[in-house]
């Protein structure tokens, strides 16, 4: 069999495989892992799920979500495009508090201190200590309806003790892109 005949048979097979198994970035949801035991914090992040539909949902899976040594704050940074090197938005959740979660604008990693976005309504958080999960859900429209998004999650104590902070995937990095 000639080389061109073999290639003609192989190319459609490869194309069929690519359609059958799209890349993770082509999906509207994906999960990435974080190393277990990479912090002394009791609520160690072990996995993050991101879903990008009408809402952008982030589910943080913990090793031991306990409140004996309170996991004070969880911050989710959202990167929605090329405007900045790093996130364009972030949401901070304070555990065991009446403080509501609020989406805020960011201009990269160095600018994570801005007022809440007043036009964004509908941020939802569900903390499930018995299931070792924290679920954050924000309407996609609050982010300007991006075509793709990726996240960075940081768990820390009230005082900024970097030895006990846990980040996923790593410091000043984002997880994989998730398309709408």
Protein backbone atom coordinates (compact mmCIF):
# COMPACT_ATOMS: atom_id res chain seq x y z
CA UNK A 1 0.00 0.00 0.00
CA UNK A 2 1.35 3.41 -0.93
CA UNK A 3 2.11 6.02 1.70
CA UNK A 4 -0.55 8.39 0.37
CA UNK A 5 -3.17 5.63 0.57
CA UNK A 6 -2.18 4.89 4.18
CA UNK A 7 -2.33 8.58 5.08
CA UNK A 8 -5.71 8.88 3.41
CA UNK A 9 -6.98 6.10 5.68
CA UNK A 10 -5.36 7.42 8.86
CA UNK A 11 -6.41 11.11 8.62
CA UNK A 12 -10.19 10.43 8.87
CA UNK A 13 -9.58 8.07 11.80
CA UNK A 14 -7.61 10.75 13.67
CA UNK A 15 -10.27 13.36 12.91
CA UNK A 16 -12.96 11.03 14.27
CA UNK A 17 -10.98 10.55 17.49
CA UNK A 18 -10.54 14.30 17.94
CA UNK A 19 -14.29 14.85 17.60
CA UNK A 20 -15.12 11.95 19.93
CA UNK A 21 -12.71 13.11 22.63
CA UNK A 22 -12.56 16.93 22.72
CA UNK A 23 -9.78 18.60 24.69
CA UNK A 24 -10.60 19.55 28.30
CA UNK A 25 -10.67 23.24 27.33
CA UNK A 26 -13.46 22.47 24.85
CA UNK A 27 -15.73 21.19 27.60
CA UNK A 28 -17.90 23.52 29.68
CA UNK A 29 -16.63 21.88 32.86
CA UNK A 30 -13.45 20.31 34.16
CA UNK A 31 -11.65 19.31 37.33
CA UNK A 32 -8.04 19.84 38.35
CA UNK A 33 -6.20 18.40 41.33
CA UNK A 34 -4.19 20.08 44.06
CA UNK A 35 -1.61 18.08 46.04
CA UNK A 36 -2.89 16.70 49.31
CA UNK A 37 -0.81 17.69 52.32
CA UNK A 38 0.75 20.80 50.73
CA UNK A 39 -0.43 22.92 53.68
CA UNK A 40 -0.78 22.57 57.44
CA UNK A 41 -4.24 24.10 57.16
CA UNK A 42 -6.89 21.56 58.24
CA UNK A 43 -9.14 22.28 55.22
CA UNK A 44 -6.48 21.33 52.64
CA UNK A 45 -7.69 21.86 49.04
CA UNK A 46 -7.39 18.60 47.10
CA UNK A 47 -9.43 19.27 43.96
CA UNK A 48 -11.29 22.07 42.14
CA UNK A 49 -14.21 21.67 39.74
CA UNK A 50 -15.09 24.52 37.35
CA UNK A 51 -18.35 24.59 35.35
CA UNK A 52 -18.98 27.32 32.76
CA UNK A 53 -22.63 27.50 31.71
CA UNK A 54 -25.16 30.26 32.50
CA UNK A 55 -23.40 30.39 35.87
CA UNK A 56 -19.73 29.96 36.62
CA UNK A 57 -19.58 27.35 39.35
CA UNK A 58 -16.46 26.54 41.35
CA UNK A 59 -16.56 23.57 43.72
CA UNK A 60 -13.60 23.29 46.07
CA UNK A 61 -13.00 19.82 47.52
CA UNK A 62 -11.17 19.81 50.85
CA UNK A 63 -9.37 17.04 52.72
CA UNK A 64 -10.94 18.00 56.04
CA UNK A 65 -13.26 21.03 56.02
CA UNK A 66 -13.44 21.60 59.74
CA UNK A 67 -14.10 24.68 61.81
CA UNK A 68 -12.09 23.71 64.90
CA UNK A 69 -9.13 25.63 63.49
CA UNK A 70 -11.30 27.88 61.30
CA UNK A 71 -10.51 27.95 57.56
CA UNK A 72 -11.06 31.67 57.66
CA UNK A 73 -11.14 32.83 54.03
CA UNK A 74 -11.47 31.38 50.59
CA UNK A 75 -10.66 33.57 47.59
CA UNK A 76 -11.50 32.57 44.03
CA UNK A 77 -9.71 34.61 41.34
CA UNK A 78 -11.25 34.49 37.85
CA UNK A 79 -9.33 35.05 34.61
CA UNK A 80 -11.68 35.77 31.71
CA UNK A 81 -9.32 36.95 29.02
CA UNK A 82 -6.17 38.75 27.96
CA UNK A 83 -6.81 42.16 29.59
CA UNK A 84 -4.38 41.57 32.47
CA UNK A 85 -1.66 39.11 33.43
CA UNK A 86 -3.81 37.33 35.97
CA UNK A 87 -7.39 37.70 37.15
CA UNK A 88 -10.01 40.23 36.09
CA UNK A 89 -12.33 39.31 38.99
CA UNK A 90 -12.23 37.71 42.41
CA UNK A 91 -14.70 36.62 45.07
CA UNK A 92 -13.80 36.38 48.74
CA UNK A 93 -15.74 34.16 51.13
CA UNK A 94 -15.28 34.45 54.88
CA UNK A 95 -16.31 31.21 56.57
CA UNK A 96 -18.53 31.34 59.67
CA UNK A 97 -19.45 34.95 59.03
CA UNK A 98 -22.49 37.00 58.09
CA UNK A 99 -20.33 38.79 55.52
CA UNK A 100 -21.87 38.04 52.10
CA UNK A 101 -19.69 36.83 49.24
CA UNK A 102 -19.21 39.62 46.72
CA UNK A 103 -17.68 39.64 43.28
CA UNK A 104 -15.03 42.33 42.84
CA UNK A 105 -12.99 43.60 39.89
CA UNK A 106 -9.26 42.96 39.67
CA UNK A 107 -6.49 44.19 37.41
CA UNK A 108 -4.10 41.29 37.64
CA UNK A 109 -2.44 39.79 40.69
CA UNK A 110 -1.32 43.08 42.22
CA UNK A 111 -4.78 44.68 42.34
CA UNK A 112 -7.04 42.46 44.44
CA UNK A 113 -8.57 45.16 46.61
CA UNK A 114 -11.58 46.84 45.02
CA UNK A 115 -15.20 47.51 46.01
CA UNK A 116 -17.94 44.97 45.18
CA UNK A 117 -19.46 45.10 41.71
CA UNK A 118 -22.86 46.64 42.50
CA UNK A 119 -24.50 45.42 39.29
CA UNK A 120 -23.74 41.78 40.07
CA UNK A 121 -26.52 40.05 41.94
CA UNK A 122 -26.91 36.35 42.54
CA UNK A 123 -23.63 35.16 44.02
CA UNK A 124 -24.36 31.93 45.88
CA UNK A 125 -22.20 29.97 48.28
CA UNK A 126 -22.86 26.63 49.91
CA UNK A 127 -20.45 25.31 52.53
CA UNK A 128 -20.78 21.58 53.18
CA UNK A 129 -18.38 20.57 56.00
CA UNK A 130 -19.79 17.04 56.19
CA UNK A 131 -18.99 16.53 52.50
CA UNK A 132 -15.71 18.52 52.57
CA UNK A 133 -16.93 20.91 49.87
CA UNK A 134 -17.39 24.61 49.25
CA UNK A 135 -19.54 25.53 46.22
CA UNK A 136 -19.47 29.04 44.73
CA UNK A 137 -21.83 30.01 41.91
CA UNK A 138 -21.91 33.39 40.11
CA UNK A 139 -24.02 34.39 37.08
CA UNK A 140 -21.91 34.40 33.92
CA UNK A 141 -23.32 37.83 33.08
CA UNK A 142 -21.46 39.30 36.09
CA UNK A 143 -18.21 38.55 34.26
CA UNK A 144 -19.38 40.13 30.99
CA UNK A 145 -20.41 36.78 29.45
CA UNK A 146 -16.88 35.53 28.68
CA UNK A 147 -16.35 32.69 26.23
CA UNK A 148 -13.80 31.07 28.53
CA UNK A 149 -12.72 31.28 32.16
CA UNK A 150 -10.08 29.83 34.45
CA UNK A 151 -9.67 30.07 38.21
CA UNK A 152 -7.20 30.21 41.07
CA UNK A 153 -8.33 29.30 44.61
CA UNK A 154 -6.63 30.42 47.84
CA UNK A 155 -7.56 29.27 51.34
CA UNK A 156 -6.08 31.23 54.26
CA UNK A 157 -6.54 32.17 57.88
CA UNK A 158 -7.91 35.58 58.92
CA UNK A 159 -4.37 36.78 59.47
CA UNK A 160 -2.31 36.42 56.33
CA UNK A 161 -0.20 33.46 57.45
CA UNK A 162 1.39 32.21 54.21
CA UNK A 163 2.67 29.05 55.91
CA UNK A 164 -0.90 27.91 56.43
CA UNK A 165 -2.34 29.14 53.14
CA UNK A 166 -3.23 26.65 50.43
CA UNK A 167 -3.48 27.60 46.77
CA UNK A 168 -4.74 25.67 43.76
CA UNK A 169 -3.23 25.17 41.30
CA UNK A 170 -0.14 27.13 42.53
CA UNK A 171 0.83 30.66 43.56
CA UNK A 172 -0.05 33.22 40.86
CA UNK A 173 -1.08 30.58 38.36
CA UNK A 174 -4.49 29.69 36.97
CA UNK A 175 -6.12 26.36 36.29
CA UNK A 176 -6.98 25.27 32.73
CA UNK A 177 -9.35 27.25 30.51
CA UNK A 178 -12.99 26.19 30.51
CA UNK A 179 -15.05 27.23 27.49
CA UNK A 180 -18.71 28.20 27.56
